[in-house]
């Protein structure tokens, strides 16, 4: 009997998923779209309710490796006293 390899899961398009409702101090794997560059850093927009119009700068990532419009995953790196995200860090690449 020949074993069949499990089919690879199809990549999920973050734009087709509903935005995240709540972000907390330890929230990880937040979908974000690359919207530009600022020097050697990436500028991203989170796919989360309440953060649609906010841009975050991701340092420590080579911006030349990412195309504008591609999707990445980010983690919450810092929050304000009013429980708003003010800093994110790179997690992994989606597309």
Protein backbone atom coordinates (compact mmCIF):
# COMPACT_ATOMS: atom_id res chain seq x y z
CA UNK A 1 0.00 0.00 0.00
CA UNK A 2 1.40 3.37 -1.02
CA UNK A 3 1.05 6.25 1.39
CA UNK A 4 -0.15 9.48 -0.11
CA UNK A 5 1.29 12.72 1.10
CA UNK A 6 -1.19 15.01 2.76
CA UNK A 7 -2.24 17.78 0.42
CA UNK A 8 -0.59 21.09 1.18
CA UNK A 9 -3.01 23.63 2.59
CA UNK A 10 -3.86 26.40 0.20
CA UNK A 11 -2.48 29.79 1.21
CA UNK A 12 -5.09 31.96 2.87
CA UNK A 13 -5.57 35.44 1.44
CA UNK A 14 -5.59 37.82 4.44
CA UNK A 15 -7.63 40.39 2.51
CA UNK A 16 -10.46 37.85 2.22
CA UNK A 17 -10.48 37.27 5.99
CA UNK A 18 -12.30 39.62 8.38
CA UNK A 19 -10.00 42.06 10.17
CA UNK A 20 -8.90 41.22 13.70
CA UNK A 21 -11.29 42.67 16.29
CA UNK A 22 -9.01 43.08 19.30
CA UNK A 23 -5.27 43.46 19.67
CA UNK A 24 -3.54 42.95 23.00
CA UNK A 25 -0.05 43.14 24.44
CA UNK A 26 0.84 39.57 23.41
CA UNK A 27 -1.02 39.41 20.09
CA UNK A 28 1.05 37.68 17.41
CA UNK A 29 0.66 36.88 13.71
CA UNK A 30 -1.31 39.99 12.74
CA UNK A 31 -1.71 40.28 8.95
CA UNK A 32 -0.27 43.52 7.58
CA UNK A 33 0.06 44.85 4.03
CA UNK A 34 3.29 46.53 2.92
CA UNK A 35 2.34 50.04 1.75
CA UNK A 36 5.76 51.56 1.18
CA UNK A 37 9.29 52.15 2.36
CA UNK A 38 10.92 54.68 4.60
CA UNK A 39 14.61 54.51 3.89
CA UNK A 40 15.58 50.88 4.57
CA UNK A 41 12.52 50.21 6.74
CA UNK A 42 9.08 48.94 5.71
CA UNK A 43 5.85 50.86 6.17
CA UNK A 44 2.88 48.56 6.85
CA UNK A 45 -0.84 48.87 7.50
CA UNK A 46 -2.45 46.40 9.92
CA UNK A 47 -5.47 44.30 8.93
CA UNK A 48 -7.30 45.01 12.20
CA UNK A 49 -10.39 46.95 13.24
CA UNK A 50 -9.48 50.49 14.29
CA UNK A 51 -6.06 50.44 12.63
CA UNK A 52 -7.08 50.63 8.95
CA UNK A 53 -5.70 54.15 8.46
CA UNK A 54 -2.61 53.89 10.67
CA UNK A 55 0.84 53.15 9.31
CA UNK A 56 3.64 51.48 11.24
CA UNK A 57 7.36 51.53 10.43
CA UNK A 58 9.14 48.17 10.68
CA UNK A 59 12.85 48.47 11.26
CA UNK A 60 15.32 45.61 11.16
CA UNK A 61 13.87 44.23 7.93
CA UNK A 62 15.44 44.72 4.52
CA UNK A 63 12.76 46.64 2.64
CA UNK A 64 14.27 45.62 -0.71
CA UNK A 65 13.12 42.03 -0.05
CA UNK A 66 9.44 43.02 0.01
CA UNK A 67 7.24 44.36 -2.75
CA UNK A 68 4.62 47.00 -2.12
CA UNK A 69 1.23 45.30 -1.67
CA UNK A 70 2.64 42.03 -0.30
CA UNK A 71 1.37 40.56 2.97
CA UNK A 72 3.44 39.84 6.07
CA UNK A 73 2.72 38.85 9.67
CA UNK A 74 3.69 41.16 12.52
CA UNK A 75 3.60 40.96 16.32
CA UNK A 76 2.66 43.65 18.83
CA UNK A 77 5.89 45.06 20.27
CA UNK A 78 4.55 47.99 22.26
CA UNK A 79 1.28 49.51 23.43
CA UNK A 80 0.30 52.89 24.85
CA UNK A 81 -1.26 53.40 28.27
CA UNK A 82 -4.62 53.69 26.49
CA UNK A 83 -4.20 50.15 25.11
CA UNK A 84 -3.43 51.20 21.53
CA UNK A 85 -0.70 49.53 19.48
CA UNK A 86 2.17 51.93 18.79
CA UNK A 87 4.95 49.53 17.76
CA UNK A 88 5.05 46.27 15.80
CA UNK A 89 7.81 43.80 14.95
CA UNK A 90 8.28 41.45 11.99
CA UNK A 91 7.07 37.85 12.38
CA UNK A 92 7.08 36.18 8.95
CA UNK A 93 6.32 36.60 5.26
CA UNK A 94 3.00 35.52 3.73
CA UNK A 95 3.30 36.44 0.06
